[in-house]
Amino acid sequence: MLVERKDGTCRECGGQLKIIDADDATMTVECLECGDSYLVEPDAFGDGCMTYYLQVAGLGETDDEGGE
């Protein structure tokens, strides 16, 4: 699932992030530009865990779903 740039960007280069995994405590993001990957908290993007975390962890979205 792609993270909207208004919500967050790569801490290394400012590129667009993609959430590639999630568990009960963290989400793993990967930058589409520099390839850096790292863990973030479920509320890292200021959405109260209602948008990104619910989609990735709660509903189990994968790369094959949603066309991202």
PDB file of N, CA and C in Angstrom:
ATOM      1  N   MET A   1       0.843  -1.172   0.000  1.00  0.00           N
ATOM      2  CA  MET A   1       0.000   0.000   0.000  1.00  0.00           C
ATOM      3  C   MET A   1       0.889   1.235   0.000  1.00  0.00           C
ATOM      4  N   LEU A   2       0.638   2.152  -0.907  1.00  0.00           N
ATOM      5  CA  LEU A   2       1.423   3.382  -0.976  1.00  0.00           C
ATOM      6  C   LEU A   2       0.967   4.387   0.075  1.00  0.00           C
ATOM      7  N   VAL A   3       1.921   5.091   0.658  1.00  0.00           N
ATOM      8  CA  VAL A   3       1.643   6.150   1.615  1.00  0.00           C
ATOM      9  C   VAL A   3       1.583   7.463   0.840  1.00  0.00           C
ATOM     10  N   GLU A   4       0.524   8.212   1.032  1.00  0.00           N
ATOM     11  CA  GLU A   4       0.414   9.511   0.365  1.00  0.00           C
ATOM     12  C   GLU A   4       1.525  10.425   0.866  1.00  0.00           C
ATOM     13  N   ARG A   5       2.122  11.163  -0.049  1.00  0.00           N
ATOM     14  CA  ARG A   5       3.250  12.042   0.313  1.00  0.00           C
ATOM     15  C   ARG A   5       2.867  13.068   1.374  1.00  0.00           C
ATOM     16  N   LYS A   6       1.623  13.483   1.392  1.00  0.00           N
ATOM     17  CA  LYS A   6       1.186  14.451   2.402  1.00  0.00           C
ATOM     18  C   LYS A   6       1.206  13.845   3.806  1.00  0.00           C
ATOM     19  N   ASP A   7       1.160  12.513   3.881  1.00  0.00           N
ATOM     20  CA  ASP A   7       1.145  11.826   5.169  1.00  0.00           C
ATOM     21  C   ASP A   7       2.529  11.411   5.646  1.00  0.00           C
ATOM     22  N   GLY A   8       3.454  11.186   4.723  1.00  0.00           N
ATOM     23  CA  GLY A   8       4.792  10.794   5.126  1.00  0.00           C
ATOM     24  C   GLY A   8       5.672  10.473   3.936  1.00  0.00           C
ATOM     25  N   THR A   9       6.958  10.709   4.113  1.00  0.00           N
ATOM     26  CA  THR A   9       7.945  10.425   3.073  1.00  0.00           C
ATOM     27  C   THR A   9       9.154   9.741   3.700  1.00  0.00           C
ATOM     28  N   CYS A  10      10.036   9.252   2.874  1.00  0.00           N
ATOM     29  CA  CYS A  10      11.235   8.557   3.324  1.00  0.00           C
ATOM     30  C   CYS A  10      12.099   9.464   4.199  1.00  0.00           C
ATOM     31  N   ARG A  11      12.568   8.914   5.282  1.00  0.00           N
ATOM     32  CA  ARG A  11      13.411   9.696   6.196  1.00  0.00           C
ATOM     33  C   ARG A  11      14.810   9.935   5.634  1.00  0.00           C
ATOM     34  N   GLU A  12      15.201   9.146   4.641  1.00  0.00           N
ATOM     35  CA  GLU A  12      16.526   9.303   4.041  1.00  0.00           C
ATOM     36  C   GLU A  12      16.536  10.257   2.859  1.00  0.00           C
ATOM     37  N   CYS A  13      15.580  10.095   1.936  1.00  0.00           N
ATOM     38  CA  CYS A  13      15.642  10.886   0.706  1.00  0.00           C
ATOM     39  C   CYS A  13      14.385  11.706   0.411  1.00  0.00           C
ATOM     40  N   GLY A  14      13.332  11.514   1.203  1.00  0.00           N
ATOM     41  CA  GLY A  14      12.090  12.244   0.955  1.00  0.00           C
ATOM     42  C   GLY A  14      11.211  11.615  -0.109  1.00  0.00           C
ATOM     43  N   GLY A  15      11.541  10.393  -0.527  1.00  0.00           N
ATOM     44  CA  GLY A  15      10.774   9.698  -1.563  1.00  0.00           C
ATOM     45  C   GLY A  15       9.476   9.109  -1.043  1.00  0.00           C
ATOM     46  N   GLN A  16       8.693   8.562  -1.964  1.00  0.00           N
ATOM     47  CA  GLN A  16       7.412   7.955  -1.603  1.00  0.00           C
ATOM     48  C   GLN A  16       7.626   6.607  -0.942  1.00  0.00           C
ATOM     49  N   LEU A  17       6.815   6.334   0.077  1.00  0.00           N
ATOM     50  CA  LEU A  17       6.907   5.097   0.833  1.00  0.00           C
ATOM     51  C   LEU A  17       5.819   4.114   0.434  1.00  0.00           C
ATOM     52  N   LYS A  18       6.151   2.848   0.562  1.00  0.00           N
ATOM     53  CA  LYS A  18       5.196   1.769   0.365  1.00  0.00           C
ATOM     54  C   LYS A  18       5.237   0.899   1.612  1.00  0.00           C
ATOM     55  N   ILE A  19       4.076   0.593   2.174  1.00  0.00           N
ATOM     56  CA  ILE A  19       4.007  -0.305   3.323  1.00  0.00           C
ATOM     57  C   ILE A  19       4.064  -1.725   2.780  1.00  0.00           C
ATOM     58  N   ILE A  20       5.081  -2.469   3.227  1.00  0.00           N
ATOM     59  CA  ILE A  20       5.274  -3.814   2.682  1.00  0.00           C
ATOM     60  C   ILE A  20       4.933  -4.918   3.674  1.00  0.00           C
ATOM     61  N   ASP A  21       4.764  -4.569   4.957  1.00  0.00           N
ATOM     62  CA  ASP A  21       4.421  -5.583   5.952  1.00  0.00           C
ATOM     63  C   ASP A  21       3.910  -4.892   7.204  1.00  0.00           C
ATOM     64  N   ALA A  22       3.170  -5.635   8.016  1.00  0.00           N
ATOM     65  CA  ALA A  22       2.686  -5.115   9.290  1.00  0.00           C
ATOM     66  C   ALA A  22       2.473  -6.276  10.243  1.00  0.00           C
ATOM     67  N   ASP A  23       2.667  -5.994  11.526  1.00  0.00           N
ATOM     68  CA  ASP A  23       2.336  -6.967  12.559  1.00  0.00           C
ATOM     69  C   ASP A  23       1.553  -6.228  13.633  1.00  0.00           C
ATOM     70  N   ASP A  24       1.468  -6.803  14.827  1.00  0.00           N
ATOM     71  CA  ASP A  24       0.656  -6.182  15.862  1.00  0.00           C
ATOM     72  C   ASP A  24       1.288  -4.935  16.479  1.00  0.00           C
ATOM     73  N   ALA A  25       2.535  -4.636  16.175  1.00  0.00           N
ATOM     74  CA  ALA A  25       3.199  -3.495  16.799  1.00  0.00           C
ATOM     75  C   ALA A  25       3.876  -2.534  15.828  1.00  0.00           C
ATOM     76  N   THR A  26       4.156  -2.970  14.611  1.00  0.00           N
ATOM     77  CA  THR A  26       4.892  -2.121  13.667  1.00  0.00           C
ATOM     78  C   THR A  26       4.416  -2.333  12.231  1.00  0.00           C
ATOM     79  N   MET A  27       4.826  -1.408  11.378  1.00  0.00           N
ATOM     80  CA  MET A  27       4.672  -1.575   9.939  1.00  0.00           C
ATOM     81  C   MET A  27       6.064  -1.421   9.334  1.00  0.00           C
ATOM     82  N   THR A  28       6.330  -2.150   8.279  1.00  0.00           N
ATOM     83  CA  THR A  28       7.585  -2.029   7.553  1.00  0.00           C
ATOM     84  C   THR A  28       7.316  -1.241   6.286  1.00  0.00           C
ATOM     85  N   VAL A  29       8.084  -0.175   6.084  1.00  0.00           N
ATOM     86  CA  VAL A  29       7.936   0.637   4.884  1.00  0.00           C
ATOM     87  C   VAL A  29       9.204   0.549   4.049  1.00  0.00           C
ATOM     88  N   GLU A  30       9.026   0.740   2.742  1.00  0.00           N
ATOM     89  CA  GLU A  30      10.155   0.747   1.816  1.00  0.00           C
ATOM     90  C   GLU A  30      10.012   1.953   0.907  1.00  0.00           C
ATOM     91  N   CYS A  31      11.111   2.661   0.700  1.00  0.00           N
ATOM     92  CA  CYS A  31      11.109   3.812  -0.188  1.00  0.00           C
ATOM     93  C   CYS A  31      11.184   3.337  -1.640  1.00  0.00           C
ATOM     94  N   LEU A  32      10.306   3.883  -2.463  1.00  0.00           N
ATOM     95  CA  LEU A  32      10.289   3.508  -3.878  1.00  0.00           C
ATOM     96  C   LEU A  32      11.438   4.138  -4.651  1.00  0.00           C
ATOM     97  N   GLU A  33      12.077   5.148  -4.075  1.00  0.00           N
ATOM     98  CA  GLU A  33      13.152   5.846  -4.778  1.00  0.00           C
ATOM     99  C   GLU A  33      14.536   5.355  -4.389  1.00  0.00           C
ATOM    100  N   CYS A  34      14.832   5.293  -3.085  1.00  0.00           N
ATOM    101  CA  CYS A  34      16.187   4.894  -2.680  1.00  0.00           C
ATOM    102  C   CYS A  34      16.267   3.451  -2.211  1.00  0.00           C
ATOM    103  N   GLY A  35      15.118   2.805  -1.977  1.00  0.00           N
ATOM    104  CA  GLY A  35      15.112   1.411  -1.576  1.00  0.00           C
ATOM    105  C   GLY A  35      15.300   1.166  -0.089  1.00  0.00           C
ATOM    106  N   ASP A  36      15.486   2.228   0.695  1.00  0.00           N
ATOM    107  CA  ASP A  36      15.652   2.067   2.133  1.00  0.00           C
ATOM    108  C   ASP A  36      14.374   1.473   2.721  1.00  0.00           C
ATOM    109  N   SER A  37      14.501   0.584   3.694  1.00  0.00           N
ATOM    110  CA  SER A  37      13.334   0.050   4.385  1.00  0.00           C
ATOM    111  C   SER A  37      13.579   0.118   5.886  1.00  0.00           C
ATOM    112  N   TYR A  38      12.502   0.332   6.621  1.00  0.00           N
ATOM    113  CA  TYR A  38      12.605   0.463   8.065  1.00  0.00           C
ATOM    114  C   TYR A  38      11.242   0.293   8.709  1.00  0.00           C
ATOM    115  N   LEU A  39      11.251   0.076  10.023  1.00  0.00           N
ATOM    116  CA  LEU A  39      10.032  -0.094  10.801  1.00  0.00           C
ATOM    117  C   LEU A  39       9.501   1.256  11.252  1.00  0.00           C
ATOM    118  N   VAL A  40       8.184   1.367  11.278  1.00  0.00           N
ATOM    119  CA  VAL A  40       7.527   2.551  11.839  1.00  0.00           C
ATOM    120  C   VAL A  40       6.398   2.085  12.745  1.00  0.00           C
ATOM    121  N   GLU A  41       5.952   2.965  13.640  1.00  0.00           N
ATOM    122  CA  GLU A  41       4.824   2.665  14.506  1.00  0.00           C
ATOM    123  C   GLU A  41       3.537   2.693  13.686  1.00  0.00           C
ATOM    124  N   PRO A  42       2.496   1.998  14.133  1.00  0.00           N
ATOM    125  CA  PRO A  42       1.238   1.987  13.385  1.00  0.00           C
ATOM    126  C   PRO A  42       0.635   3.366  13.141  1.00  0.00           C
ATOM    127  N   ASP A  43       0.924   4.334  14.019  1.00  0.00           N
ATOM    128  CA  ASP A  43       0.396   5.686  13.855  1.00  0.00           C
ATOM    129  C   ASP A  43       1.445   6.646  13.301  1.00  0.00           C
ATOM    130  N   ALA A  44       2.415   6.138  12.595  1.00  0.00           N
ATOM    131  CA  ALA A  44       3.516   6.967  12.091  1.00  0.00           C
ATOM    132  C   ALA A  44       3.056   8.059  11.135  1.00  0.00           C
ATOM    133  N   PHE A  45       1.903   7.880  10.515  1.00  0.00           N
ATOM    134  CA  PHE A  45       1.467   8.843   9.505  1.00  0.00           C
ATOM    135  C   PHE A  45       0.349   9.746  10.000  1.00  0.00           C
ATOM    136  N   GLY A  46       0.145   9.790  11.326  1.00  0.00           N
ATOM    137  CA  GLY A  46      -0.793  10.726  11.931  1.00  0.00           C
ATOM    138  C   GLY A  46      -2.256  10.474  11.616  1.00  0.00           C
ATOM    139  N   ASP A  47      -2.598   9.231  11.311  1.00  0.00           N
ATOM    140  CA  ASP A  47      -3.981   8.918  10.949  1.00  0.00           C
ATOM    141  C   ASP A  47      -4.740   8.185  12.048  1.00  0.00           C
ATOM    142  N   GLY A  48      -4.155   8.107  13.241  1.00  0.00           N
ATOM    143  CA  GLY A  48      -4.804   7.409  14.338  1.00  0.00           C
ATOM    144  C   GLY A  48      -4.976   5.921  14.087  1.00  0.00           C
ATOM    145  N   CYS A  49      -4.131   5.371  13.258  1.00  0.00           N
ATOM    146  CA  CYS A  49      -4.152   3.943  12.882  1.00  0.00           C
ATOM    147  C   CYS A  49      -5.400   3.568  12.086  1.00  0.00           C
ATOM    148  N   MET A  50      -6.122   4.540  11.571  1.00  0.00           N
ATOM    149  CA  MET A  50      -7.393   4.258  10.917  1.00  0.00           C
ATOM    150  C   MET A  50      -7.284   4.043   9.408  1.00  0.00           C
ATOM    151  N   THR A  51      -6.238   4.502   8.794  1.00  0.00           N
ATOM    152  CA  THR A  51      -6.133   4.375   7.344  1.00  0.00           C
ATOM    153  C   THR A  51      -5.140   3.290   6.966  1.00  0.00           C
ATOM    154  N   TYR A  52      -3.887   3.558   7.162  1.00  0.00           N
ATOM    155  CA  TYR A  52      -2.845   2.653   6.688  1.00  0.00           C
ATOM    156  C   TYR A  52      -2.784   1.349   7.478  1.00  0.00           C
ATOM    157  N   TYR A  53      -2.719   1.454   8.799  1.00  0.00           N
ATOM    158  CA  TYR A  53      -2.569   0.252   9.621  1.00  0.00           C
ATOM    159  C   TYR A  53      -3.767  -0.682   9.470  1.00  0.00           C
ATOM    160  N   LEU A  54      -4.970  -0.150   9.499  1.00  0.00           N
ATOM    161  CA  LEU A  54      -6.149  -1.000   9.335  1.00  0.00           C
ATOM    162  C   LEU A  54      -6.163  -1.686   7.980  1.00  0.00           C
ATOM    163  N   GLN A  55      -5.777  -0.974   6.946  1.00  0.00           N
ATOM    164  CA  GLN A  55      -5.755  -1.565   5.611  1.00  0.00           C
ATOM    165  C   GLN A  55      -4.727  -2.682   5.501  1.00  0.00           C
ATOM    166  N   VAL A  56      -3.558  -2.471   6.042  1.00  0.00           N
ATOM    167  CA  VAL A  56      -2.475  -3.433   5.874  1.00  0.00           C
ATOM    168  C   VAL A  56      -2.547  -4.572   6.889  1.00  0.00           C
ATOM    169  N   ALA A  57      -2.726  -4.252   8.150  1.00  0.00           N
ATOM    170  CA  ALA A  57      -2.743  -5.289   9.191  1.00  0.00           C
ATOM    171  C   ALA A  57      -4.142  -5.844   9.411  1.00  0.00           C
ATOM    172  N   GLY A  58      -5.105  -4.948   9.536  1.00  0.00           N
ATOM    173  CA  GLY A  58      -6.460  -5.373   9.855  1.00  0.00           C
ATOM    174  C   GLY A  58      -7.141  -6.117   8.739  1.00  0.00           C
ATOM    175  N   LEU A  59      -6.967  -5.661   7.516  1.00  0.00           N
ATOM    176  CA  LEU A  59      -7.638  -6.291   6.389  1.00  0.00           C
ATOM    177  C   LEU A  59      -6.717  -7.192   5.589  1.00  0.00           C
ATOM    178  N   GLY A  60      -5.435  -7.175   5.909  1.00  0.00           N
ATOM    179  CA  GLY A  60      -4.500  -8.065   5.244  1.00  0.00           C
ATOM    180  C   GLY A  60      -4.242  -7.731   3.791  1.00  0.00           C
ATOM    181  N   GLU A  61      -4.233  -6.449   3.439  1.00  0.00           N
ATOM    182  CA  GLU A  61      -3.973  -6.074   2.050  1.00  0.00           C
ATOM    183  C   GLU A  61      -2.564  -6.460   1.660  1.00  0.00           C
ATOM    184  N   THR A  62      -2.404  -6.957   0.440  1.00  0.00           N
ATOM    185  CA  THR A  62      -1.089  -7.304  -0.079  1.00  0.00           C
ATOM    186  C   THR A  62      -0.860  -6.550  -1.364  1.00  0.00           C
ATOM    187  N   ASP A  63       0.308  -6.734  -1.956  1.00  0.00           N
ATOM    188  CA  ASP A  63       0.628  -6.088  -3.230  1.00  0.00           C
ATOM    189  C   ASP A  63      -0.317  -6.513  -4.332  1.00  0.00           C
ATOM    190  N   ASP A  64      -0.879  -7.719  -4.243  1.00  0.00           N
ATOM    191  CA  ASP A  64      -1.759  -8.241  -5.279  1.00  0.00           C
ATOM    192  C   ASP A  64      -3.143  -7.625  -5.213  1.00  0.00           C
ATOM    193  N   GLU A  65      -3.490  -7.015  -4.096  1.00  0.00           N
ATOM    194  CA  GLU A  65      -4.807  -6.420  -3.929  1.00  0.00           C
ATOM    195  C   GLU A  65      -4.717  -4.912  -4.052  1.00  0.00           C
ATOM    196  N   GLY A  66      -5.712  -4.314  -4.647  1.00  0.00           N
ATOM    197  CA  GLY A  66      -5.781  -2.875  -4.701  1.00  0.00           C
ATOM    198  C   GLY A  66      -4.966  -2.243  -5.796  1.00  0.00           C
ATOM    199  N   GLY A  67      -4.240  -2.987  -6.570  1.00  0.00           N
ATOM    200  CA  GLY A  67      -3.512  -2.442  -7.702  1.00  0.00           C
ATOM    201  C   GLY A  67      -2.350  -1.541  -7.373  1.00  0.00           C
ATOM    202  N   GLU A  68      -1.842  -1.601  -6.166  1.00  0.00           N
ATOM    203  CA  GLU A  68      -0.727  -0.737  -5.779  1.00  0.00           C
ATOM    204  C   GLU A  68       0.578  -1.351  -6.206  1.00  0.00           C
TER     205      GLU A  68
END
